[in-house]
Protein backbone atom coordinates (compact mmCIF):
# COMPACT_ATOMS: atom_id res chain seq x y z
CA MET A 1 70.53 -39.52 -3.67
CA LYS A 2 71.54 -35.87 -3.78
CA LYS A 3 70.30 -35.58 -7.36
CA ILE A 4 66.94 -37.10 -6.38
CA PHE A 5 66.57 -34.60 -3.53
CA ILE A 6 67.33 -31.68 -5.83
CA PHE A 7 64.81 -32.99 -8.36
CA ILE A 8 62.07 -33.23 -5.70
CA VAL A 9 62.76 -29.68 -4.47
CA ALA A 10 62.65 -28.39 -8.03
CA MET A 11 59.34 -30.10 -8.67
CA CYS A 12 57.86 -28.61 -5.49
CA CYS A 13 58.92 -25.16 -6.63
CA ILE A 14 57.24 -25.71 -9.98
CA VAL A 15 53.99 -26.82 -8.33
CA THR A 16 54.06 -23.81 -5.99
CA MET A 17 54.59 -21.39 -8.85
CA ARG A 18 51.76 -22.93 -10.82
CA SER A 19 49.41 -22.87 -7.84
CA GLU A 20 49.89 -19.10 -7.46
CA GLN A 21 48.44 -18.32 -10.90
CA ILE A 22 45.47 -20.10 -12.43
CA SER A 23 43.65 -19.03 -15.58
CA GLY A 24 41.12 -19.94 -18.23
CA GLU A 25 38.67 -18.48 -20.72
CA CYS A 26 35.34 -16.79 -19.96
CA GLY A 27 34.39 -15.73 -23.46
CA PRO A 28 35.40 -16.40 -27.07
CA ALA A 29 38.12 -13.76 -26.76
CA ILE A 30 38.26 -13.11 -23.00
CA THR A 31 40.45 -14.81 -20.42
CA TRP A 32 40.58 -14.71 -16.64
CA SER A 33 43.41 -15.24 -14.22
CA LEU A 34 43.65 -15.48 -10.46
CA ASN A 35 46.67 -15.12 -8.22
CA THR A 36 45.79 -17.50 -5.42
CA SER A 37 48.32 -15.88 -3.09
CA THR A 38 47.09 -12.30 -3.39
CA GLY A 39 43.47 -12.98 -4.37
CA VAL A 40 43.74 -10.63 -7.37
CA PHE A 41 41.39 -11.67 -10.18
CA THR A 42 42.01 -10.18 -13.65
CA PHE A 43 40.05 -10.11 -16.92
CA GLU A 44 41.80 -9.66 -20.26
CA GLY A 45 40.45 -9.45 -23.80
CA ALA A 46 37.50 -8.10 -25.75
CA GLY A 47 34.01 -9.19 -26.77
CA LEU A 48 31.15 -10.85 -24.95
CA MET A 49 31.68 -12.70 -21.70
CA TYR A 50 29.85 -15.97 -21.18
CA ASP A 51 26.60 -15.50 -19.27
CA TYR A 52 26.62 -18.32 -16.72
CA THR A 53 23.32 -19.75 -15.49
CA SER A 54 24.54 -21.33 -12.23
CA GLN A 55 27.44 -20.92 -9.84
CA ASN A 56 28.78 -24.36 -10.71
CA ALA A 57 29.13 -23.28 -14.34
CA VAL A 58 31.55 -20.49 -13.38
CA PRO A 59 35.08 -21.87 -13.98
CA TRP A 60 36.66 -20.07 -10.99
CA HIS A 61 33.84 -20.68 -8.53
CA SER A 62 35.78 -23.27 -6.52
CA TYR A 63 38.23 -20.46 -5.70
CA CYS A 64 35.55 -17.90 -4.77
CA ASN A 65 36.68 -17.57 -1.15
CA ILE A 66 40.18 -16.62 -2.31
CA ILE A 67 39.15 -13.71 -4.54
CA ARG A 68 39.72 -10.31 -2.90
CA SER A 69 39.72 -7.92 -5.84
CA VAL A 70 38.60 -7.86 -9.47
CA SER A 71 40.26 -5.78 -12.17
CA TYR A 72 41.15 -5.88 -15.86
CA LYS A 73 44.19 -5.53 -18.07
CA THR A 74 44.60 -2.18 -19.84
CA GLY A 75 42.97 -2.28 -23.26
CA SER A 76 40.39 -4.88 -22.29
CA SER A 77 36.86 -4.16 -23.49
CA PHE A 78 33.74 -6.20 -22.88
CA PRO A 79 30.08 -5.16 -22.55
CA ASN A 80 28.86 -7.53 -19.87
CA LEU A 81 29.70 -9.32 -16.65
CA GLY A 82 28.17 -12.76 -16.79
CA GLY A 83 25.55 -14.08 -14.44
CA PHE A 84 26.73 -15.72 -11.19
CA ALA A 85 30.25 -14.42 -11.90
CA PHE A 86 31.25 -13.76 -8.28
CA ILE A 87 28.37 -15.23 -6.33
CA GLY A 88 29.43 -16.20 -2.82
CA CYS A 89 32.80 -14.43 -2.97
CA THR A 90 32.58 -13.36 0.66
CA ASN A 91 36.10 -11.89 0.75
CA LEU A 92 35.72 -9.77 -2.39
CA GLN A 93 36.39 -6.14 -1.39
CA ALA A 94 36.99 -4.18 -4.59
CA VAL A 95 35.74 -4.35 -8.17
CA GLU A 96 37.02 -2.36 -11.13
CA LEU A 97 35.47 -3.06 -14.52
CA PRO A 98 36.00 -1.40 -17.91
CA ALA A 99 33.72 1.54 -18.71
CA THR A 100 32.40 -0.59 -21.57
CA VAL A 101 30.54 -2.88 -19.15
CA LYS A 102 26.83 -2.00 -19.36
CA SER A 103 25.29 -5.20 -18.08
CA ILE A 104 25.73 -6.98 -14.75
CA GLY A 105 24.30 -10.49 -14.89
CA ASP A 106 21.84 -12.14 -12.55
CA TYR A 107 23.29 -13.07 -9.14
CA ALA A 108 26.69 -11.68 -10.21
CA PHE A 109 27.64 -10.39 -6.74
CA LYS A 110 25.10 -12.17 -4.57
CA GLY A 111 26.45 -12.79 -1.07
CA CYS A 112 29.57 -10.64 -1.52
CA LYS A 113 29.39 -9.40 2.06
CA SER A 114 32.79 -7.66 2.02
CA LEU A 115 31.93 -5.61 -1.06
CA THR A 116 30.97 -2.26 0.49
CA SER A 117 30.97 -0.10 -2.64
CA PHE A 118 30.46 -0.40 -6.38
CA SER A 119 30.71 2.18 -9.13
CA PHE A 120 27.48 2.06 -11.14
CA THR A 121 27.90 3.75 -14.49
CA PRO A 122 25.28 5.43 -16.70
CA ASP A 123 23.01 3.12 -18.70
CA MET A 124 24.07 0.04 -16.73
CA GLU A 125 21.56 -2.80 -16.64
CA LEU A 126 21.60 -4.64 -13.30
CA GLY A 127 20.31 -8.21 -13.34
CA SER A 128 17.94 -9.92 -10.95
CA ASN A 129 19.43 -10.45 -7.48
CA ALA A 130 22.73 -9.07 -8.81
CA PHE A 131 23.74 -7.62 -5.41
CA PHE A 132 21.42 -9.69 -3.22
CA GLY A 133 22.85 -9.87 0.30
CA SER A 134 26.01 -7.95 -0.60
CA GLY A 135 27.80 -5.57 1.81
CA LEU A 136 27.04 -2.32 -0.04
CA THR A 137 26.72 0.61 2.37
CA SER A 138 25.31 3.31 0.09
CA VAL A 139 24.06 3.18 -3.46
CA TYR A 140 24.08 5.94 -6.08
CA LEU A 141 22.35 5.12 -9.38
CA PRO A 142 23.13 7.45 -12.30
CA GLU A 143 20.98 8.10 -15.35
CA GLY A 144 19.98 5.12 -17.45
CA VAL A 145 20.53 2.49 -14.76
CA THR A 146 17.80 -0.17 -14.67
CA LEU A 147 17.12 -2.96 -12.19
CA GLY A 148 16.03 -6.58 -12.34
CA ASN A 149 13.95 -8.27 -9.67
CA GLY A 150 15.48 -8.12 -6.21
CA THR A 151 18.70 -6.45 -7.35
CA PHE A 152 19.36 -4.98 -3.88
CA ARG A 153 17.36 -7.38 -1.71
CA GLU A 154 18.72 -8.06 1.76
CA CYS A 155 21.60 -5.61 1.45
CA LEU A 156 21.59 -5.16 5.20
CA ASP A 157 24.27 -2.45 5.34
CA VAL A 158 22.78 0.06 2.91
CA THR A 159 22.15 3.37 4.67
CA GLU A 160 20.44 5.13 1.77
CA PHE A 161 19.72 5.07 -1.94
CA THR A 162 20.27 8.11 -4.13
CA VAL A 163 19.33 8.40 -7.78
CA SER A 164 20.21 10.87 -10.51
CA PRO A 165 17.27 13.15 -11.39
CA SER A 166 17.99 12.19 -15.00
CA ASN A 167 17.19 8.52 -14.39
CA ASN A 168 13.94 7.75 -16.20
CA THR A 169 13.00 4.54 -14.38
CA LEU A 170 14.06 5.07 -10.75
CA THR A 171 13.95 7.68 -8.03
CA ALA A 172 14.70 7.96 -4.32
CA VAL A 173 12.61 9.63 -1.63
CA ASP A 174 14.24 10.16 1.77
CA GLY A 175 16.76 7.43 1.00
CA VAL A 176 14.13 4.90 -0.08
CA LEU A 177 14.24 3.49 -3.63
CA PHE A 178 11.10 3.81 -5.80
CA SER A 179 10.09 3.43 -9.40
CA LYS A 180 10.19 6.76 -11.21
CA ASP A 181 6.41 7.19 -11.01
CA LYS A 182 6.61 6.43 -7.26
CA LYS A 183 3.96 3.75 -7.60
CA THR A 184 6.30 0.93 -6.54
CA LEU A 185 8.39 1.01 -3.39
CA ILE A 186 11.38 -1.12 -4.41
CA VAL A 187 13.54 -1.26 -1.30
CA PHE A 188 13.90 0.43 2.08
CA PRO A 189 17.51 0.87 3.35
CA VAL A 190 17.87 -1.60 6.21
CA ALA A 191 20.76 0.31 7.84
CA ASP A 192 18.68 3.50 7.56
CA ASN A 193 20.94 6.46 8.37
CA ARG A 194 17.91 8.45 9.51
CA ASN A 195 17.41 6.07 12.47
CA ARG A 196 13.69 5.83 11.81
CA THR A 197 11.56 3.55 13.96
CA SER A 198 8.40 4.42 12.00
CA TYR A 199 7.91 4.85 8.28
CA ALA A 200 4.91 6.13 6.34
CA VAL A 201 4.76 4.83 2.80
CA PRO A 202 3.93 7.87 0.63
CA GLU A 203 0.42 8.40 -0.67
CA GLY A 204 0.22 7.26 -4.29
CA THR A 205 2.31 4.14 -3.74
CA VAL A 206 0.49 1.12 -5.20
CA THR A 207 2.91 -1.79 -4.78
CA ILE A 208 5.39 -2.87 -2.10
CA ASP A 209 8.01 -4.86 -4.00
CA CYS A 210 9.39 -8.29 -3.18
CA GLY A 211 11.58 -8.14 -0.05
CA ALA A 212 11.29 -4.35 0.13
CA PHE A 213 11.51 -4.15 3.95
CA SER A 214 13.19 -7.49 4.69
CA TYR A 215 15.12 -7.38 7.99
CA SER A 216 14.24 -3.74 8.61
CA GLU A 217 14.24 -2.76 12.30
CA LEU A 218 11.19 -0.52 11.93
CA THR A 219 8.60 -0.77 14.70
CA ASN A 220 5.67 0.95 12.99
CA LEU A 221 4.48 0.99 9.39
CA TYR A 222 1.88 3.25 7.78
CA LEU A 223 0.36 2.12 4.48
CA PRO A 224 -1.67 4.62 2.42
CA ALA A 225 -5.12 4.06 0.96
CA THR A 226 -3.55 3.70 -2.49
CA ILE A 227 -1.76 0.43 -1.65
CA SER A 228 -3.24 -2.48 -3.60
CA SER A 229 -0.45 -5.07 -3.84
CA ILE A 230 2.11 -6.41 -1.36
CA GLU A 231 4.62 -8.86 -2.82
CA LEU A 232 6.51 -11.93 -1.56
CA LEU A 233 8.58 -11.33 1.59
CA ALA A 234 7.83 -7.60 1.44
CA PHE A 235 7.92 -7.23 5.25
CA SER A 236 9.78 -10.44 6.11
CA TYR A 237 11.90 -10.87 9.23
CA MET A 238 11.01 -7.51 10.76
CA ALA A 239 11.71 -8.60 14.32
CA ASN A 240 10.65 -5.29 15.90
CA LEU A 241 7.38 -4.81 14.03
CA LYS A 242 4.59 -3.88 16.47
CA THR A 243 1.97 -1.97 14.49
CA VAL A 244 0.81 -1.64 10.91
CA ARG A 245 -1.71 1.05 9.98
CA CYS A 246 -3.34 0.39 6.64
CA LEU A 247 -5.68 3.07 5.30
CA ALA A 248 -7.04 0.97 2.43
CA THR A 249 -10.74 0.20 3.01
CA THR A 250 -10.33 -3.01 1.02
CA PRO A 251 -7.45 -5.26 2.15
CA PRO A 252 -4.58 -4.99 -0.37
CA ALA A 253 -3.74 -8.17 -2.23
CA ILE A 254 -0.92 -9.73 -0.24
CA HIS A 255 1.42 -12.67 -0.76
CA TYR A 256 0.95 -15.28 1.94
CA GLN A 257 4.66 -15.01 2.83
CA ALA A 258 4.75 -11.20 2.91
CA PHE A 259 5.25 -11.18 6.69
CA GLN A 260 7.35 -14.34 6.92
CA GLY A 261 9.50 -14.35 10.04
CA CYS A 262 7.43 -11.66 11.78
CA ASN A 263 5.61 -12.29 15.04
CA LEU A 264 2.21 -11.11 13.85
CA SER A 265 0.42 -12.63 16.83
CA ALA A 266 2.10 -9.95 18.96
CA ALA A 267 1.44 -7.14 16.49
CA THR A 268 -1.54 -4.84 15.97
CA LEU A 269 -3.17 -3.92 12.68
CA PHE A 270 -5.10 -0.64 12.46
CA VAL A 271 -7.67 -0.32 9.67
CA PRO A 272 -10.33 2.23 8.62
CA MET A 273 -13.70 2.33 10.35
CA GLY A 274 -16.01 -0.33 8.96
CA ALA A 275 -13.17 -2.46 7.56
CA ILE A 276 -12.43 -4.64 10.56
CA ALA A 277 -14.58 -7.58 9.47
CA ILE A 278 -13.12 -7.86 5.99
CA TYR A 279 -9.51 -7.64 7.23
CA ALA A 280 -10.26 -10.21 9.96
CA SER A 281 -11.51 -12.66 7.33
CA THR A 282 -8.74 -12.11 4.76
CA ASP A 283 -5.74 -14.43 4.55
CA THR A 284 -2.52 -13.10 6.07
CA TRP A 285 -4.18 -9.95 7.45
CA GLU A 286 -6.16 -12.14 9.84
CA GLU A 287 -2.91 -13.37 11.41
CA PHE A 288 -2.40 -10.16 13.39
CA GLY A 289 -2.90 -10.63 17.11
CA GLU A 290 -5.25 -7.65 17.20
CA ILE A 291 -7.05 -5.74 14.50
CA LYS A 292 -8.32 -2.31 15.53
CA GLU A 293 -10.29 0.35 13.75
CA THR A 294 -10.54 3.95 14.83
CA ASN A 295 -12.84 6.83 13.91
CA GLY A 296 -10.70 9.66 15.20
CA THR A 297 -12.82 10.16 18.35
CA GLY A 298 -10.83 7.90 20.60
CA LEU A 299 -13.40 5.08 20.29
CA GLU A 300 -12.14 1.91 18.68
CA GLU A 301 -13.15 -1.63 17.87
CA THR A 302 -10.68 -4.44 18.51
CA TYR A 303 -10.59 -7.87 16.87
CA HIS A 304 -8.68 -10.65 18.66
CA SER A 305 -7.48 -13.30 16.21
CA ALA A 306 -6.91 -15.97 18.86
CA SER A 307 -10.55 -16.09 19.99
CA LYS A 308 -12.09 -14.78 16.77
CA SER A 309 -13.96 -12.20 18.84
CA ALA A 310 -14.38 -8.44 18.72
CA LYS A 311 -14.69 -5.86 21.48
CA VAL A 312 -17.10 -3.16 20.32
CA PHE A 313 -17.80 0.31 21.73
CA ARG A 314 -21.35 1.50 21.09
CA ASP A 315 -22.84 4.60 22.63
CA GLY A 316 -20.33 4.40 25.47
CA VAL A 317 -21.17 0.74 26.21
CA ILE A 318 -18.75 -2.15 25.61
CA PHE A 319 -20.03 -5.37 24.01
CA ILE A 320 -18.32 -8.57 22.85
CA GLU A 321 -19.07 -10.00 19.42
CA LYS A 322 -18.21 -13.65 18.82
CA ASP A 323 -19.42 -16.30 16.36
CA GLY A 324 -22.15 -13.99 15.08
CA ASN A 325 -23.58 -13.27 18.52
CA THR A 326 -23.35 -10.22 20.79
CA TYR A 327 -22.67 -10.48 24.53
CA THR A 328 -22.34 -8.07 27.44
CA LEU A 329 -19.05 -8.04 29.34
CA SER A 330 -20.70 -10.24 31.98
CA GLY A 331 -21.41 -12.87 29.33
CA ILE A 332 -25.13 -12.29 28.82
CA LYS A 333 -26.16 -13.02 25.23
CA LEU A 334 -28.18 -10.26 23.61
CA GLN A 335 -31.07 -11.09 21.35
């Protein structure tokens, strides 16, 4: 009986020891290991890492909530971090990769909400949605760094973006990330350290990128006459949005979900004089509760989306336009 008891205890010890360290391969000559007690994840080896195409393909994904730090054994050298590598690792706080890593795969750190900083190195290629919804607080991008689609989307804790002047594809203006030619606004820092309630998109900007202002707490937006394209979810979930002033005489092409999650019926859209009718009949733009146009004299015309009617000031007299007819305020139809 005593021998059986000792044997059982010994077996338990063996199981415990094994459960503290798990490992496997993640490339032809690269291995990974994870200490399940400390949450330390370690790469070792050289050569290409497998580029995973889903989170379920990642061999350590079932342990993602355990991982707290990522590092590598001295002498290890690999050029890439595979796609989906640490997606959903909500407790991941620190990442140290070899200087040889020049490619971060798609969705690699998506949802890593405890990851507040990351060292981006020169010439690093960042995949689509690589840091989507991560906990980064500030982002510095050195020369040669390039982005995929939505690399920094919904990073709600970013206070500002800064970019090396030597970067040939990206730049930052007042903490906001743009393409180098400043024609595409890529992403506005949600946790804006300038505490702005209003933001004027610079003249010359042509495109507002996918998810660029998602979850921003801005109240007022100013869009220049040069804007011609507004992408999917560009202004989504802006709970405080009250006014949008768009100086384009022709409504910019806009994705039907650009303002998803916004209460447009309680917001006002300001447009150039003479443009009210076209905005009021254009998909998505017509969803604003009011559409107003001003001429700089204090007179304005207001379109109400609920009743499909317009209040018009003419020669100091107010009329109501509805369904192609003009009425006085007392309801008399004018011929």
